[in-house]
Amino acid sequence: MFIIFKRLFDKRIKSKVSIIPKPIFYVKTMGMFKLVSKSKIIVTADDNEIQNEVKQNIAEYLANILSASTGFNFEIVLIDKTDLSNYLSNNIILCIDKKESFLDEAYIINIDKKCINITACEPAGLFRGVQTLRQLFSESIESKSLVKDRKWKIACCKIIDGPAYEYRGLMLDVARHFFNKEAVMRQIDHASLYKINKLHLHLTDDQGWRIEIKSRPALTEIGSLGSAYGTNPGGFFTQEDFIKIAEYAAKRYIEVIPEIDMPGHMNAALASIPELNPDGKLAKPRTDTKVGVSTLMCHSDATFKFLEDVIKEIAAISPSKYFHIGGDEADVTTLSEYSYFFERLIPIVKKYGKTTIGWRPYDCTDAVDGDAVVQNWFLIQDGFYFIKNKKLKTILSPAVAYLDQKYNKNTRIGFKWRGLISLEKSYDWYPSKISPATDILGIESALWTETIVTEDDIDYMLYPRLLANAEAGWTAENLRDFSDFKKRLKKHFARLDVLGVKYCDDYN
């Protein structure tokens, strides 16, 4: 059904509401639905386990959002589908229907005067539909406190929607400057509103090591203390912190992917563990932001014993099927050392049940093949030889998705080594023009934090450009138009204000 509707309507859509990312199909119908104090959230699914998941992860999540602003106490009712006709008055219905031939994250919303009905074949689809439902209400629905004298109405409509790409990521660098689990969870909440489904945490770099490895305590005792320019007191996630972040994200159907960047970008480890250095002495900590200045000893057994300890412990606490192993900017590693390094490293990652992701050019080594994923961040025309011939899936992170770059010359923080990235540039690109669509796993926005010190800085650089990138990953290319996006975006600033997002308003 999903494919049929897409073919029927994808050339005719003119968005009438400010939904971001733009859905495949939206049509307004007659009348208004009104949310009232007696409204309930109804959950129905054929499978009891899935029904309980929907209740805990989606219905309760939705009830918490709606209750704070409306003051209504939403009862959550689990029912059999045969009883559905008894619950059609003023309610929100969350329905899992395995018979629908949807993509995993696809959903249908039907809103009439009597009820709101969101249907999907998987809980992730219901959750994406709930995020769309939030955007159909006025921005006041996001208030954390009671909004008085408001009638909570939505225009009746039908929406059919699903993602263009299965991987829609945000990378947050917590190595150059550290941000605690509460800050990360806050960004998970905001990103999930725009259907981001992967959070890639860059956990280590020359300036800091940010994840506890219990068998190697020096990594956090020493390696976590620094930051870029020395402008942050440092810090790290305990393994319990990481587990909490991953669990929190999973309830929002976001997968957390850990990255240990190697064999370069390793000075924080070299400054913590003496046997990782050729002279057996600790390297000096670094607070500068030069890249390509460090390397592990690629032929050393001590190196691989260390890395197995790290991978084993992180794999044990990470539910993601992926393990990101870095691989970029290893400028002081020789080509032969670099190739040998990954020949020994990748089997270790596989040993602990994970699929590797790595930055280009790690895909050029003989060890990378099969189910490995390459994250392509420098997009030269001849750079796809290894990707194509090895049939590797690709995550695209072009310059327009590097959200640490300045919007314009007046932007107060950020770099411009990949150019000035205005809102229009962050929107007006098309993945299939970079790489064949069949090879693309998805796209990922990257926020490197050399100049990002506070949570407000994160907001400022991500928003509103993350919304533009999110639409590039979710919405079919033939439905996208920047002028239309700008019209929808204007209505979102009020929503971001209510959510407390400190976005940049000088984004051109």
Protein backbone atom coordinates (compact mmCIF):
# COMPACT_ATOMS: atom_id res chain seq x y z
CA MET A 1 0.00 0.00 0.00
CA PHE A 2 2.80 2.39 0.89
CA ILE A 3 4.41 2.11 -2.53
CA ILE A 4 1.06 2.52 -4.30
CA PHE A 5 0.25 5.75 -2.51
CA LYS A 6 3.76 7.06 -3.12
CA ARG A 7 3.39 6.54 -6.87
CA LEU A 8 -0.06 8.11 -6.94
CA PHE A 9 0.73 11.26 -5.04
CA ASP A 10 4.43 12.03 -5.02
CA LYS A 11 4.20 14.40 -8.02
CA ARG A 12 1.17 16.32 -6.77
CA ILE A 13 1.87 17.31 -3.20
CA LYS A 14 1.70 20.93 -2.15
CA SER A 15 2.35 21.12 1.58
CA LYS A 16 -0.36 22.96 3.51
CA VAL A 17 1.06 22.38 6.98
CA SER A 18 4.46 22.98 8.53
CA ILE A 19 5.51 19.35 8.95
CA ILE A 20 9.29 18.78 8.89
CA PRO A 21 10.47 16.51 7.34
CA LYS A 22 7.87 16.85 4.61
CA PRO A 23 5.61 13.78 4.34
CA ILE A 24 4.95 11.83 1.18
CA PHE A 25 1.25 12.69 1.15
CA TYR A 26 -0.90 15.16 3.06
CA VAL A 27 -4.49 16.11 2.28
CA LYS A 28 -6.79 18.19 4.42
CA THR A 29 -10.33 16.88 4.85
CA MET A 30 -13.49 18.40 6.27
CA GLY A 31 -13.80 19.38 9.90
CA MET A 32 -11.70 19.60 13.05
CA PHE A 33 -10.71 17.10 15.71
CA LYS A 34 -10.80 18.41 19.26
CA LEU A 35 -8.73 16.95 22.07
CA VAL A 36 -10.71 17.05 25.32
CA SER A 37 -10.23 16.10 28.97
CA LYS A 38 -11.91 12.72 28.49
CA SER A 39 -9.70 11.77 25.53
CA LYS A 40 -7.83 8.51 25.88
CA ILE A 41 -4.82 6.97 24.14
CA ILE A 42 -5.82 3.60 22.74
CA VAL A 43 -3.20 0.96 21.92
CA THR A 44 -3.97 -2.04 19.76
CA ALA A 45 -1.72 -4.74 18.29
CA ASP A 46 -2.03 -8.44 17.59
CA ASP A 47 1.11 -9.26 19.59
CA ASN A 48 1.05 -8.69 23.36
CA GLU A 49 4.77 -7.98 23.59
CA ILE A 50 4.57 -5.33 20.87
CA GLN A 51 1.44 -3.87 22.44
CA ASN A 52 3.27 -3.45 25.74
CA GLU A 53 6.23 -1.86 23.94
CA VAL A 54 3.91 0.66 22.27
CA LYS A 55 2.31 1.43 25.62
CA GLN A 56 5.61 1.99 27.42
CA ASN A 57 7.66 3.71 24.71
CA ILE A 58 5.06 5.59 22.67
CA ALA A 59 1.71 5.97 24.43
CA GLU A 60 3.26 7.04 27.74
CA TYR A 61 5.68 9.34 25.90
CA LEU A 62 2.80 10.99 24.05
CA ALA A 63 0.68 11.24 27.19
CA ASN A 64 3.50 13.01 29.03
CA ILE A 65 3.89 15.58 26.27
CA LEU A 66 0.17 16.25 25.92
CA SER A 67 -0.61 16.26 29.65
CA ALA A 68 1.88 18.96 30.61
CA SER A 69 0.37 21.60 28.32
CA THR A 70 -3.29 20.57 28.29
CA GLY A 71 -3.66 19.56 31.91
CA PHE A 72 -5.58 16.47 30.77
CA ASN A 73 -4.94 13.12 32.42
CA PHE A 74 -4.71 10.72 29.50
CA GLU A 75 -5.74 7.18 30.32
CA ILE A 76 -3.90 4.58 28.24
CA VAL A 77 -6.11 1.66 27.24
CA LEU A 78 -4.90 -1.57 25.65
CA ILE A 79 -7.56 -3.24 23.52
CA ASP A 80 -8.11 -6.00 21.02
CA LYS A 81 -8.68 -4.82 17.45
CA THR A 82 -12.15 -6.35 17.49
CA ASP A 83 -13.13 -3.80 20.14
CA LEU A 84 -11.82 -0.79 18.26
CA SER A 85 -15.26 0.43 17.18
CA ASN A 86 -16.07 1.10 20.84
CA TYR A 87 -13.22 3.61 21.23
CA LEU A 88 -13.64 6.03 18.33
CA SER A 89 -14.89 9.07 20.23
CA ASN A 90 -12.34 11.85 20.97
CA ASN A 91 -9.46 9.38 21.32
CA ILE A 92 -5.97 8.92 19.89
CA ILE A 93 -5.53 5.40 18.50
CA LEU A 94 -2.08 3.84 18.08
CA CYS A 95 -2.43 0.75 15.92
CA ILE A 96 0.15 -1.84 14.88
CA ASP A 97 -1.04 -3.62 11.76
CA LYS A 98 1.40 -6.22 10.45
CA LYS A 99 -0.77 -6.72 7.37
CA GLU A 100 0.18 -3.32 5.99
CA SER A 101 3.12 -3.53 3.56
CA PHE A 102 4.96 -0.55 5.03
CA LEU A 103 8.60 0.22 5.46
CA ASP A 104 9.60 -0.22 9.13
CA GLU A 105 9.32 3.50 9.91
CA ALA A 106 6.36 4.29 7.65
CA TYR A 107 2.98 5.26 9.04
CA ILE A 108 -0.50 6.51 8.13
CA ILE A 109 -2.37 9.17 10.07
CA ASN A 110 -6.13 9.52 9.66
CA ILE A 111 -7.75 12.37 11.57
CA ASP A 112 -11.50 12.91 11.45
CA LYS A 113 -13.90 14.71 13.78
CA LYS A 114 -14.15 11.63 16.02
CA CYS A 115 -10.57 10.41 16.48
CA ILE A 116 -6.90 10.42 15.56
CA ASN A 117 -5.72 7.08 14.17
CA ILE A 118 -2.01 6.39 13.63
CA THR A 119 -1.21 3.05 11.98
CA ALA A 120 2.14 1.40 11.31
CA CYS A 121 3.53 -2.10 10.95
CA GLU A 122 6.32 -1.49 13.49
CA PRO A 123 6.54 0.56 16.71
CA ALA A 124 9.22 2.78 15.15
CA GLY A 125 6.66 3.84 12.54
CA LEU A 126 4.14 4.73 15.23
CA PHE A 127 6.77 6.81 17.00
CA ARG A 128 7.56 8.74 13.79
CA GLY A 129 3.83 9.29 13.35
CA VAL A 130 3.56 10.66 16.88
CA GLN A 131 6.29 13.18 16.05
CA THR A 132 4.22 14.32 13.07
CA LEU A 133 1.14 14.54 15.30
CA ARG A 134 3.00 16.88 17.65
CA GLN A 135 3.65 19.20 14.72
CA LEU A 136 -0.04 19.23 13.76
CA PHE A 137 -0.90 20.83 17.08
CA SER A 138 0.05 24.44 17.78
CA GLU A 139 3.49 24.99 19.27
CA SER A 140 1.86 25.46 22.69
CA ILE A 141 1.47 21.70 22.92
CA GLU A 142 5.22 21.54 23.66
CA SER A 143 4.90 23.62 26.83
CA LYS A 144 6.17 21.96 30.01
CA SER A 145 3.50 23.82 32.01
CA LEU A 146 -0.26 24.23 31.74
CA VAL A 147 -1.48 26.44 28.90
CA LYS A 148 -4.79 28.01 29.94
CA ASP A 149 -7.76 28.90 27.74
CA ARG A 150 -6.53 26.93 24.73
CA LYS A 151 -8.71 24.73 22.56
CA TRP A 152 -6.64 21.83 21.31
CA LYS A 153 -7.84 21.38 17.74
CA ILE A 154 -6.35 19.81 14.60
CA ALA A 155 -7.68 20.09 11.07
CA CYS A 156 -8.93 16.72 9.83
CA CYS A 157 -6.49 15.20 7.36
CA LYS A 158 -4.81 12.11 5.98
CA ILE A 159 -1.06 11.64 5.96
CA ILE A 160 0.96 8.84 4.37
CA ASP A 161 4.66 8.92 5.11
CA GLY A 162 7.90 6.98 5.26
CA PRO A 163 11.67 7.55 4.94
CA ALA A 164 13.74 7.87 1.81
CA TYR A 165 16.78 6.40 3.62
CA GLU A 166 16.95 3.99 6.53
CA TYR A 167 19.91 5.74 8.22
CA ARG A 168 19.41 9.38 9.27
CA GLY A 169 22.10 10.29 11.71
CA LEU A 170 23.52 13.00 13.91
CA MET A 171 27.14 12.78 15.01
CA LEU A 172 28.02 14.59 18.24
CA ASP A 173 31.69 15.02 19.10
CA VAL A 174 32.02 14.79 22.89
CA ALA A 175 35.81 14.36 22.68
CA ARG A 176 36.98 17.90 21.85
CA HIS A 177 34.56 19.28 24.43
CA PHE A 178 32.67 16.99 26.77
CA PHE A 179 28.89 17.10 27.26
CA ASN A 180 27.27 15.03 29.98
CA LYS A 181 24.50 12.49 29.58
CA GLU A 182 21.75 15.01 30.35
CA ALA A 183 22.98 17.27 27.55
CA VAL A 184 23.10 14.33 25.16
CA MET A 185 19.60 13.18 26.15
CA ARG A 186 18.28 16.69 25.52
CA GLN A 187 19.64 16.58 21.97
CA ILE A 188 18.11 13.12 21.50
CA ASP A 189 14.71 14.58 22.38
CA HIS A 190 15.04 17.44 19.90
CA ALA A 191 16.49 15.33 17.08
CA SER A 192 13.77 12.69 17.45
CA LEU A 193 11.11 15.31 16.71
CA TYR A 194 12.60 15.52 13.21
CA LYS A 195 12.85 11.75 12.71
CA ILE A 196 16.60 11.36 13.23
CA ASN A 197 17.17 7.69 14.04
CA LYS A 198 20.92 7.37 14.71
CA LEU A 199 23.14 9.15 17.23
CA HIS A 200 26.82 8.66 16.51
CA LEU A 201 28.95 9.58 19.53
CA HIS A 202 32.56 10.51 18.75
CA LEU A 203 33.95 9.36 22.10
CA THR A 204 37.72 9.76 21.70
CA ASP A 205 40.19 12.08 20.06
CA ASP A 206 43.55 13.73 20.66
CA GLN A 207 42.07 16.10 23.23
CA GLY A 208 40.04 13.70 25.35
CA TRP A 209 38.93 10.13 26.09
CA ARG A 210 35.25 10.15 27.13
CA ILE A 211 34.19 6.55 27.85
CA GLU A 212 35.11 4.48 30.90
CA ILE A 213 37.12 1.32 30.18
CA LYS A 214 37.23 -0.52 33.48
CA SER A 215 40.26 -2.60 32.56
CA ARG A 216 42.13 0.59 31.59
CA PRO A 217 41.29 3.18 34.28
CA ALA A 218 44.07 5.55 33.22
CA LEU A 219 42.09 6.44 30.10
CA THR A 220 39.61 8.39 32.21
CA GLU A 221 41.89 9.21 35.14
CA ILE A 222 44.23 11.04 32.75
CA GLY A 223 42.81 11.06 29.24
CA SER A 224 39.44 12.60 30.14
CA LEU A 225 40.85 15.71 31.80
CA GLY A 226 41.59 17.79 28.71
CA SER A 227 39.63 19.59 26.03
CA ALA A 228 40.24 21.68 22.94
CA TYR A 229 41.91 24.97 23.89
CA GLY A 230 41.53 23.97 27.56
CA THR A 231 38.14 25.71 27.61
CA ASN A 232 36.21 22.87 29.24
CA PRO A 233 36.89 20.95 32.47
CA GLY A 234 36.75 17.63 30.65
CA GLY A 235 34.79 14.63 31.79
CA PHE A 236 33.66 11.21 30.66
CA PHE A 237 30.73 8.81 30.55
CA THR A 238 30.79 5.96 33.00
CA GLN A 239 29.66 2.74 31.41
CA GLU A 240 26.41 3.16 33.34
CA ASP A 241 26.01 6.62 31.78
CA PHE A 242 26.45 5.19 28.32
CA ILE A 243 23.90 2.45 29.00
CA LYS A 244 21.39 5.06 30.19
CA ILE A 245 21.94 7.17 27.08
CA ALA A 246 21.46 4.14 24.81
CA GLU A 247 18.32 3.07 26.68
CA TYR A 248 16.89 6.59 26.60
CA ALA A 249 17.57 6.83 22.86
CA ALA A 250 16.09 3.40 22.18
CA LYS A 251 12.77 4.50 23.69
CA ARG A 252 12.79 7.22 21.04
CA TYR A 253 13.78 4.68 18.36
CA ILE A 254 17.25 6.15 17.99
CA GLU A 255 20.27 3.84 17.82
CA VAL A 256 23.41 5.07 19.59
CA ILE A 257 26.61 4.19 17.71
CA PRO A 258 29.92 4.48 19.60
CA GLU A 259 33.08 5.63 17.85
CA ILE A 260 36.68 5.05 18.93
CA ASP A 261 38.71 6.90 16.28
CA MET A 262 41.91 5.06 15.32
CA PRO A 263 44.76 4.61 14.47
CA GLY A 264 45.09 8.41 14.40
CA HIS A 265 43.27 10.85 16.68
CA MET A 266 44.66 8.84 19.61
CA ASN A 267 46.76 11.27 21.66
CA ALA A 268 44.47 11.11 24.71
CA ALA A 269 45.15 7.36 24.88
CA LEU A 270 48.87 7.84 24.24
CA ALA A 271 48.96 10.37 27.10
CA SER A 272 47.31 7.82 29.42
CA ILE A 273 48.99 4.45 28.70
CA PRO A 274 52.79 4.39 28.34
CA GLU A 275 53.09 1.05 26.51
CA LEU A 276 51.17 2.50 23.56
CA ASN A 277 54.15 4.74 22.81
CA PRO A 278 57.42 3.68 21.09
CA ASP A 279 59.57 5.02 23.95
CA GLY A 280 57.34 3.57 26.67
CA LYS A 281 56.68 7.04 28.07
CA LEU A 282 53.42 8.98 28.24
CA ALA A 283 52.79 11.40 25.40
CA LYS A 284 52.09 15.01 26.29
CA PRO A 285 48.40 15.96 26.41
CA ARG A 286 47.15 18.14 23.56
CA THR A 287 44.66 21.00 23.68
CA ASP A 288 45.34 22.30 20.17
CA THR A 289 43.09 21.30 17.27
CA LYS A 290 45.62 20.10 14.73
CA VAL A 291 44.73 16.79 13.08
CA GLY A 292 46.92 13.99 11.78
CA VAL A 293 49.43 14.38 14.62
CA SER A 294 49.11 11.04 16.45
CA THR A 295 49.08 7.34 15.71
CA LEU A 296 48.97 4.04 17.48
CA MET A 297 51.87 1.63 16.85
CA CYS A 298 50.24 -0.46 14.15
CA HIS A 299 52.51 -3.50 14.46
CA SER A 300 52.52 -3.65 18.25
CA ASP A 301 50.83 -6.48 20.12
CA ALA A 302 50.34 -4.05 23.02
CA THR A 303 48.21 -1.91 20.72
CA PHE A 304 45.87 -4.74 19.81
CA LYS A 305 45.64 -6.02 23.37
CA PHE A 306 44.59 -2.50 24.36
CA LEU A 307 42.08 -2.23 21.51
CA GLU A 308 40.54 -5.61 22.26
CA ASP A 309 40.01 -4.52 25.87
CA VAL A 310 38.32 -1.35 24.64
CA ILE A 311 36.15 -3.01 21.99
CA LYS A 312 35.15 -5.87 24.28
CA GLU A 313 33.92 -3.54 27.02
CA ILE A 314 32.10 -1.12 24.73
CA ALA A 315 30.51 -3.91 22.69
CA ALA A 316 29.16 -5.40 25.91
CA ILE A 317 27.28 -2.18 26.84
CA SER A 318 26.27 -1.04 23.35
CA PRO A 319 23.05 -2.46 21.85
CA SER A 320 23.93 -1.09 18.40
CA LYS A 321 24.94 -3.57 15.75
CA TYR A 322 27.53 -1.02 14.60
CA PHE A 323 30.94 -0.08 15.98
CA HIS A 324 32.55 2.99 14.42
CA ILE A 325 36.32 2.61 14.22
CA GLY A 326 37.27 6.00 12.79
CA GLY A 327 40.06 5.71 10.25
CA ASP A 328 40.38 9.27 8.98
CA GLU A 329 43.27 11.74 9.04
CA ALA A 330 45.91 9.17 10.01
CA ASP A 331 48.52 11.39 8.41
CA VAL A 332 51.53 10.12 10.37
CA THR A 333 50.61 6.47 9.81
CA THR A 334 52.27 4.95 6.74
CA LEU A 335 50.07 3.29 4.15
CA SER A 336 51.45 -0.17 4.92
CA GLU A 337 50.92 0.38 8.67
CA TYR A 338 47.41 1.66 8.04
CA SER A 339 46.46 -1.39 5.95
CA TYR A 340 47.96 -3.83 8.44
CA PHE A 341 46.18 -2.07 11.30
CA PHE A 342 42.72 -2.65 9.87
CA GLU A 343 43.54 -6.21 8.83
CA ARG A 344 44.07 -6.96 12.53
CA LEU A 345 41.41 -4.63 13.94
CA ILE A 346 38.31 -5.55 11.94
CA PRO A 347 38.34 -9.24 12.97
CA ILE A 348 38.35 -8.07 16.60
CA VAL A 349 35.24 -5.96 15.99
CA LYS A 350 33.55 -8.93 14.30
CA LYS A 351 34.58 -11.20 17.16
CA TYR A 352 32.38 -9.14 19.47
CA GLY A 353 29.42 -9.23 17.13
CA LYS A 354 29.60 -5.76 15.59
CA THR A 355 29.60 -4.38 12.04
CA THR A 356 32.26 -1.79 11.32
CA ILE A 357 31.65 1.75 10.18
CA GLY A 358 34.68 3.84 9.28
CA TRP A 359 35.49 7.18 7.78
CA ARG A 360 37.06 7.24 4.35
CA PRO A 361 39.69 6.14 3.40
CA TYR A 362 39.46 3.04 5.59
CA ASP A 363 37.45 1.39 2.80
CA CYS A 364 40.57 1.37 0.62
CA THR A 365 42.18 -1.35 2.76
CA ASP A 366 41.86 -5.02 1.82
CA ALA A 367 40.29 -5.85 5.18
CA VAL A 368 37.15 -3.83 4.46
CA ASP A 369 34.52 -5.74 2.52
CA GLY A 370 31.18 -7.47 2.89
CA ASP A 371 28.84 -5.84 5.36
CA ALA A 372 31.21 -3.03 6.38
CA VAL A 373 29.91 0.53 6.03
CA VAL A 374 31.92 3.53 4.87
CA GLN A 375 31.18 7.08 5.97
CA ASN A 376 32.10 9.28 3.04
CA TRP A 377 33.03 12.79 4.06
CA PHE A 378 35.30 13.89 1.22
CA LEU A 379 33.48 13.41 -2.03
CA ILE A 380 35.97 13.36 -4.88
CA GLN A 381 34.85 11.95 -8.20
CA ASP A 382 37.34 9.06 -8.23
CA GLY A 383 36.73 8.32 -4.56
CA PHE A 384 34.02 5.75 -5.16
CA TYR A 385 36.18 3.09 -6.79
CA PHE A 386 36.62 1.02 -3.64
CA ILE A 387 33.10 1.69 -2.37
CA LYS A 388 31.47 0.58 -5.62
CA ASN A 389 33.70 -2.38 -6.36
CA LYS A 390 33.34 -3.75 -2.83
CA LYS A 391 29.59 -3.06 -2.87
CA LEU A 392 29.84 -1.19 0.43
CA LYS A 393 26.90 0.68 1.88
CA THR A 394 27.65 4.36 2.32
CA ILE A 395 26.73 7.05 4.83
CA LEU A 396 27.06 10.46 3.24
CA SER A 397 28.44 13.36 5.30
CA PRO A 398 29.33 16.01 2.72
CA ALA A 399 30.38 19.56 3.62
CA VAL A 400 26.73 20.67 3.73
CA ALA A 401 26.19 18.21 6.60
CA TYR A 402 29.19 19.48 8.60
CA LEU A 403 27.25 21.65 11.00
CA ASP A 404 30.33 22.85 12.87
CA GLN A 405 31.03 25.11 9.89
CA LYS A 406 29.95 28.74 10.08
CA TYR A 407 26.65 29.78 8.54
CA ASN A 408 28.25 32.98 7.25
CA LYS A 409 31.18 35.28 8.01
CA ASN A 410 29.38 36.74 11.03
CA THR A 411 28.77 33.40 12.79
CA ARG A 412 30.25 33.72 16.28
CA ILE A 413 31.71 30.17 16.49
CA GLY A 414 32.67 27.40 14.12
CA PHE A 415 35.15 26.86 11.31
CA LYS A 416 35.01 27.48 7.57
CA TRP A 417 37.53 24.98 6.21
CA ARG A 418 34.65 23.20 4.40
CA GLY A 419 33.10 26.50 3.40
CA LEU A 420 30.33 28.65 4.78
CA ILE A 421 27.25 26.43 5.14
CA SER A 422 24.08 28.49 5.01
CA LEU A 423 20.65 27.04 5.65
CA GLU A 424 20.06 26.87 1.90
CA LYS A 425 23.25 24.90 1.32
CA SER A 426 22.39 22.50 4.14
CA TYR A 427 19.02 21.87 2.47
CA ASP A 428 19.61 22.11 -1.25
CA TRP A 429 21.58 18.93 -1.91
CA TYR A 430 20.49 15.53 -3.13
CA PRO A 431 22.18 12.31 -1.98
CA SER A 432 21.52 10.42 -5.22
CA LYS A 433 23.56 13.02 -7.14
CA ILE A 434 26.56 12.15 -4.96
CA SER A 435 26.26 8.37 -4.98
CA PRO A 436 23.89 5.82 -6.57
CA ALA A 437 20.78 5.62 -4.39
CA THR A 438 21.08 1.85 -4.10
CA ASP A 439 24.50 2.24 -2.43
CA ILE A 440 23.36 4.81 0.13
CA LEU A 441 22.57 3.58 3.62
CA GLY A 442 21.74 7.14 4.60
CA ILE A 443 23.11 10.53 5.59
CA GLU A 444 24.61 11.94 8.75
CA SER A 445 25.01 15.48 10.05
CA ALA A 446 28.26 16.02 11.93
CA LEU A 447 28.88 18.45 14.79
CA TRP A 448 32.56 18.62 15.68
CA THR A 449 33.08 20.57 18.87
CA GLU A 450 36.47 22.28 18.78
CA THR A 451 34.65 25.63 19.16
CA ILE A 452 31.48 24.26 20.76
CA VAL A 453 31.72 24.72 24.54
CA THR A 454 28.16 25.04 25.87
CA GLU A 455 24.77 23.45 25.22
CA ASP A 456 23.62 26.75 23.74
CA ASP A 457 26.51 26.45 21.26
CA ILE A 458 25.23 23.02 20.21
CA ASP A 459 21.73 24.43 19.63
CA TYR A 460 23.10 27.41 17.74
CA MET A 461 25.06 25.34 15.24
CA LEU A 462 22.51 22.53 14.79
CA TYR A 463 19.33 24.55 14.48
CA PRO A 464 17.84 25.22 12.04
CA ARG A 465 20.30 23.39 9.74
CA LEU A 466 19.63 19.96 11.28
CA LEU A 467 16.01 20.31 10.14
CA ALA A 468 17.24 20.85 6.59
CA ASN A 469 19.53 17.81 6.75
CA ALA A 470 16.74 15.76 8.33
CA GLU A 471 14.50 16.44 5.36
CA ALA A 472 17.32 15.46 2.99
CA GLY A 473 17.41 12.06 4.68
CA TRP A 474 13.68 11.46 5.13
CA THR A 475 11.84 13.06 2.23
CA ALA A 476 11.91 11.74 -1.34
CA GLU A 477 14.07 13.99 -3.50
CA ASN A 478 11.31 14.84 -6.00
CA LEU A 479 9.17 16.24 -3.16
CA ARG A 480 11.78 18.61 -1.83
CA ASP A 481 11.88 22.33 -2.54
CA PHE A 482 13.80 24.94 -0.56
CA SER A 483 11.23 27.73 -0.93
CA ASP A 484 8.55 25.39 0.41
CA PHE A 485 10.85 24.30 3.23
CA LYS A 486 11.46 27.92 4.26
CA LYS A 487 7.73 28.55 4.54
CA ARG A 488 7.30 25.52 6.77
CA LEU A 489 10.40 26.37 8.79
CA LYS A 490 9.09 29.83 9.76
CA LYS A 491 6.34 28.17 11.77
CA HIS A 492 8.86 25.95 13.53
CA PHE A 493 10.79 28.75 15.19
CA ALA A 494 7.91 29.32 17.60
CA ARG A 495 7.97 25.58 18.43
CA LEU A 496 11.73 25.66 19.00
CA ASP A 497 11.22 28.67 21.28
CA VAL A 498 8.77 26.74 23.44
CA LEU A 499 11.19 23.80 23.53
CA GLY A 500 13.98 26.09 24.70
CA VAL A 501 16.21 25.56 21.67
CA LYS A 502 18.71 28.44 21.29
CA TYR A 503 18.80 28.35 17.48
CA CYS A 504 20.67 30.69 15.15
CA ASP A 505 18.49 33.33 13.48
CA ASP A 506 21.25 34.57 11.15
CA TYR A 507 21.35 31.45 8.99
CA ASN A 508 21.60 32.85 5.45
